[in-house]
């Protein structure tokens, strides 16, 4: 089972405008649809974490086992994608 939440418009609190946190508690992999078609930066992938993006994804995330993934959007790109 997956648990996920999306923190929107959080730029007031730090460098990211949007944050998605996904918890996956099964050993089998799963493809998870992201909340929009925009580019998301993966900063935590179940094995590594930090503030520097590990990679970028669009539309879907492959959660390949038990772990937590954190995806973020930054700056002007997120503003355009969110209709601002």
Protein backbone atom coordinates (compact mmCIF):
# COMPACT_ATOMS: atom_id res chain seq x y z
CA UNK A 1 0.00 0.00 0.00
CA UNK A 2 1.20 3.51 -0.81
CA UNK A 3 0.70 6.64 1.19
CA UNK A 4 1.40 10.01 -0.37
CA UNK A 5 0.83 13.67 0.21
CA UNK A 6 1.40 16.85 -1.78
CA UNK A 7 2.46 20.10 -0.15
CA UNK A 8 1.57 22.92 -2.55
CA UNK A 9 2.73 26.53 -2.62
CA UNK A 10 5.32 26.12 0.15
CA UNK A 11 7.96 28.51 -1.25
CA UNK A 12 7.46 30.79 1.74
CA UNK A 13 9.15 28.12 3.89
CA UNK A 14 12.13 27.18 1.70
CA UNK A 15 13.55 26.76 -1.80
CA UNK A 16 10.83 24.48 -3.18
CA UNK A 17 7.37 25.49 -4.38
CA UNK A 18 5.81 22.01 -4.23
CA UNK A 19 6.77 18.81 -2.40
CA UNK A 20 5.39 15.31 -2.91
CA UNK A 21 6.20 12.60 -0.34
CA UNK A 22 5.47 8.98 -1.22
CA UNK A 23 5.77 6.06 1.22
CA UNK A 24 5.75 2.59 -0.34
CA UNK A 25 5.68 -0.40 2.03
CA UNK A 26 5.78 -3.36 -0.34
CA UNK A 27 8.83 -5.12 -1.74
CA UNK A 28 7.28 -5.35 -5.19
CA UNK A 29 7.77 -2.34 -7.41
CA UNK A 30 4.93 -0.10 -8.51
CA UNK A 31 4.45 2.79 -10.94
CA UNK A 32 2.90 5.80 -9.24
CA UNK A 33 1.18 8.60 -11.18
CA UNK A 34 2.36 12.05 -10.13
CA UNK A 35 -0.14 14.86 -9.49
CA UNK A 36 0.65 16.71 -12.72
CA UNK A 37 2.61 16.42 -15.97
CA UNK A 38 5.39 18.77 -14.87
CA UNK A 39 9.01 18.00 -14.15
CA UNK A 40 9.67 16.80 -10.60
CA UNK A 41 13.13 16.62 -9.02
CA UNK A 42 13.75 13.49 -6.91
CA UNK A 43 15.67 14.44 -3.73
CA UNK A 44 15.05 11.18 -1.84
CA UNK A 45 14.66 7.80 -3.51
CA UNK A 46 14.64 5.14 -0.81
CA UNK A 47 18.43 4.78 -0.91
CA UNK A 48 19.79 8.32 -1.08
CA UNK A 49 18.54 11.69 0.11
CA UNK A 50 19.65 15.29 0.23
CA UNK A 51 18.81 18.71 -1.14
CA UNK A 52 20.51 18.25 -4.52
CA UNK A 53 18.26 16.47 -7.04
CA UNK A 54 19.20 12.88 -7.81
CA UNK A 55 17.24 12.85 -11.08
CA UNK A 56 14.11 14.26 -12.75
CA UNK A 57 10.85 12.50 -13.55
CA UNK A 58 7.63 13.42 -15.34
CA UNK A 59 4.14 12.01 -14.92
CA UNK A 60 5.19 8.75 -13.21
CA UNK A 61 7.58 7.47 -10.56
CA UNK A 62 8.87 3.89 -10.42
CA UNK A 63 8.87 2.97 -6.71
CA UNK A 64 11.07 -0.12 -6.77
CA UNK A 65 10.55 -1.55 -3.29
CA UNK A 66 10.10 -0.45 0.29
CA UNK A 67 11.06 3.17 0.80
CA UNK A 68 10.17 6.83 0.85
CA UNK A 69 10.51 9.13 -2.14
CA UNK A 70 10.50 12.92 -1.98
CA UNK A 71 9.95 14.92 -5.16
CA UNK A 72 10.13 18.70 -5.41
CA UNK A 73 9.51 21.56 -7.82
CA UNK A 74 11.41 24.83 -7.74
CA UNK A 75 10.99 28.38 -8.90
CA UNK A 76 9.58 29.69 -12.15
CA UNK A 77 9.01 26.29 -13.78
CA UNK A 78 6.63 25.30 -11.01
CA UNK A 79 4.87 28.67 -11.19
CA UNK A 80 4.19 28.20 -14.93
CA UNK A 81 3.00 24.61 -14.43
CA UNK A 82 0.71 25.69 -11.57
CA UNK A 83 -0.86 28.44 -13.71
CA UNK A 84 0.76 31.43 -11.96
